[in-house]
C-alpha atoms as a PDB file:
ATOM      1  CA  UNK A   1       7.994  14.523   4.793  1.00  0.00           C
ATOM      2  CA  UNK A   2       6.048  14.797   8.029  1.00  0.00           C
ATOM      3  CA  UNK A   3       2.951  16.020   6.179  1.00  0.00           C
ATOM      4  CA  UNK A   4       2.509  12.744   4.252  1.00  0.00           C
ATOM      5  CA  UNK A   5      -1.108  11.580   4.498  1.00  0.00           C
ATOM      6  CA  UNK A   6      -1.786   7.923   3.720  1.00  0.00           C
ATOM      7  CA  UNK A   7      -5.443   7.112   3.095  1.00  0.00           C
ATOM      8  CA  UNK A   8      -7.178   3.803   3.788  1.00  0.00           C
ATOM      9  CA  UNK A   9      -8.432   2.790   0.350  1.00  0.00           C
ATOM     10  CA  UNK A  10      -9.618  -0.734   1.158  1.00  0.00           C
ATOM     11  CA  UNK A  11     -13.133  -1.690   0.149  1.00  0.00           C
ATOM     12  CA  UNK A  12     -15.347  -3.358   2.712  1.00  0.00           C
ATOM     13  CA  UNK A  13     -18.489  -5.453   2.383  1.00  0.00           C
ATOM     14  CA  UNK A  14     -21.639  -4.234   4.058  1.00  0.00           C
ATOM     15  CA  UNK A  15     -21.851  -5.752   7.511  1.00  0.00           C
ATOM     16  CA  UNK A  16     -18.153  -6.662   7.566  1.00  0.00           C
ATOM     17  CA  UNK A  17     -17.054  -6.447  11.195  1.00  0.00           C
ATOM     18  CA  UNK A  18     -13.265  -6.606  10.730  1.00  0.00           C
ATOM     19  CA  UNK A  19     -12.244  -3.373   9.047  1.00  0.00           C
ATOM     20  CA  UNK A  20      -8.507  -3.668   9.460  1.00  0.00           C
ATOM     21  CA  UNK A  21      -7.021  -1.636   6.581  1.00  0.00           C
ATOM     22  CA  UNK A  22      -4.982  -3.672   4.106  1.00  0.00           C
ATOM     23  CA  UNK A  23      -4.694  -1.052   1.337  1.00  0.00           C
ATOM     24  CA  UNK A  24      -3.169   2.404   1.771  1.00  0.00           C
ATOM     25  CA  UNK A  25      -2.840   5.113  -0.896  1.00  0.00           C
ATOM     26  CA  UNK A  26      -0.680   8.202  -1.048  1.00  0.00           C
ATOM     27  CA  UNK A  27      -1.578  10.742  -3.732  1.00  0.00           C
ATOM     28  CA  UNK A  28       1.533  12.716  -4.672  1.00  0.00           C
ATOM     29  CA  UNK A  29      -0.148  14.619  -7.500  1.00  0.00           C
ATOM     30  CA  UNK A  30      -3.142  14.288  -9.760  1.00  0.00           C
ATOM     31  CA  UNK A  31      -1.302  11.725 -11.904  1.00  0.00           C
ATOM     32  CA  UNK A  32       0.989  10.005  -9.392  1.00  0.00           C
ATOM     33  CA  UNK A  33      -0.356   7.573  -6.779  1.00  0.00           C
ATOM     34  CA  UNK A  34       1.528   5.172  -4.534  1.00  0.00           C
ATOM     35  CA  UNK A  35      -0.405   2.250  -3.087  1.00  0.00           C
ATOM     36  CA  UNK A  36       0.853  -0.298  -0.554  1.00  0.00           C
ATOM     37  CA  UNK A  37      -1.255  -3.360   0.129  1.00  0.00           C
ATOM     38  CA  UNK A  38      -1.280  -6.908   1.416  1.00  0.00           C
ATOM     39  CA  UNK A  39      -3.410  -9.745   0.124  1.00  0.00           C
ATOM     40  CA  UNK A  40      -2.719  -9.011  -3.557  1.00  0.00           C
ATOM     41  CA  UNK A  41      -4.061 -11.740  -5.853  1.00  0.00           C
ATOM     42  CA  UNK A  42      -0.586 -12.531  -7.264  1.00  0.00           C
ATOM     43  CA  UNK A  43       1.362 -12.003  -4.002  1.00  0.00           C
ATOM     44  CA  UNK A  44      -1.043 -12.870  -1.179  1.00  0.00           C
ATOM     45  CA  UNK A  45       1.539 -13.319   1.610  1.00  0.00           C
ATOM     46  CA  UNK A  46       3.647 -10.156   1.272  1.00  0.00           C
ATOM     47  CA  UNK A  47       3.191  -6.400   1.116  1.00  0.00           C
ATOM     48  CA  UNK A  48       3.369  -5.015  -2.429  1.00  0.00           C
ATOM     49  CA  UNK A  49       3.508  -1.525  -3.875  1.00  0.00           C
ATOM     50  CA  UNK A  50       1.976   0.019  -6.980  1.00  0.00           C
ATOM     51  CA  UNK A  51       3.412   3.298  -8.212  1.00  0.00           C
ATOM     52  CA  UNK A  52       1.309   4.552 -11.086  1.00  0.00           C
ATOM     53  CA  UNK A  53       2.470   5.518 -13.725  1.00  0.00           C
ATOM     54  CA  UNK A  54       5.925   3.883 -13.383  1.00  0.00           C
ATOM     55  CA  UNK A  55       5.168   0.285 -12.456  1.00  0.00           C
ATOM     56  CA  UNK A  56       2.293  -1.969 -11.492  1.00  0.00           C
ATOM     57  CA  UNK A  57       3.360  -4.409  -8.779  1.00  0.00           C
ATOM     58  CA  UNK A  58       6.576  -4.429  -6.761  1.00  0.00           C
ATOM     59  CA  UNK A  59       7.091  -6.665  -3.718  1.00  0.00           C
ATOM     60  CA  UNK A  60       8.372  -4.777  -0.672  1.00  0.00           C
ATOM     61  CA  UNK A  61       9.947  -7.861   0.878  1.00  0.00           C
ATOM     62  CA  UNK A  62       7.807  -7.707   4.012  1.00  0.00           C
ATOM     63  CA  UNK A  63       5.619 -10.589   5.190  1.00  0.00           C
ATOM     64  CA  UNK A  64       1.880  -9.971   5.433  1.00  0.00           C
ATOM     65  CA  UNK A  65       2.288  -9.978   9.230  1.00  0.00           C
ATOM     66  CA  UNK A  66       4.165  -6.659   9.003  1.00  0.00           C
ATOM     67  CA  UNK A  67       2.195  -3.566   9.972  1.00  0.00           C
ATOM     68  CA  UNK A  68       0.939  -0.946   7.544  1.00  0.00           C
ATOM     69  CA  UNK A  69       3.357   1.550   9.095  1.00  0.00           C
ATOM     70  CA  UNK A  70       6.313  -0.768   8.348  1.00  0.00           C
ATOM     71  CA  UNK A  71       5.159  -1.127   4.727  1.00  0.00           C
ATOM     72  CA  UNK A  72       4.728   2.645   4.374  1.00  0.00           C
ATOM     73  CA  UNK A  73       8.236   3.228   5.780  1.00  0.00           C
ATOM     74  CA  UNK A  74       9.655   0.620   3.377  1.00  0.00           C
ATOM     75  CA  UNK A  75       7.935   2.398   0.487  1.00  0.00           C
ATOM     76  CA  UNK A  76       9.608   5.669   1.394  1.00  0.00           C
ATOM     77  CA  UNK A  77      12.994   3.926   1.473  1.00  0.00           C
ATOM     78  CA  UNK A  78      12.594   2.609  -2.098  1.00  0.00           C
ATOM     79  CA  UNK A  79      12.472   4.968  -5.090  1.00  0.00           C
ATOM     80  CA  UNK A  80       9.477   4.776  -7.421  1.00  0.00           C
ATOM     81  CA  UNK A  81      11.571   4.595 -10.558  1.00  0.00           C
END
């Protein structure tokens, strides 16, 4: 699992000075993507995970003050199904 490559997939406005990533994506195959993010419209204060094609939004139980690395580790500890 050491070759896992998370990609910053946040969108930024032109001229935005704070570019702290809040959305990370891991592409497991052409059809399977895992995304961890904070600031979701329905869960703004916690990290959530999307795991297409199995489910849309799953709270990871981490506050938004947790780091992206903590959220990514939590994702690996929870199965997608």
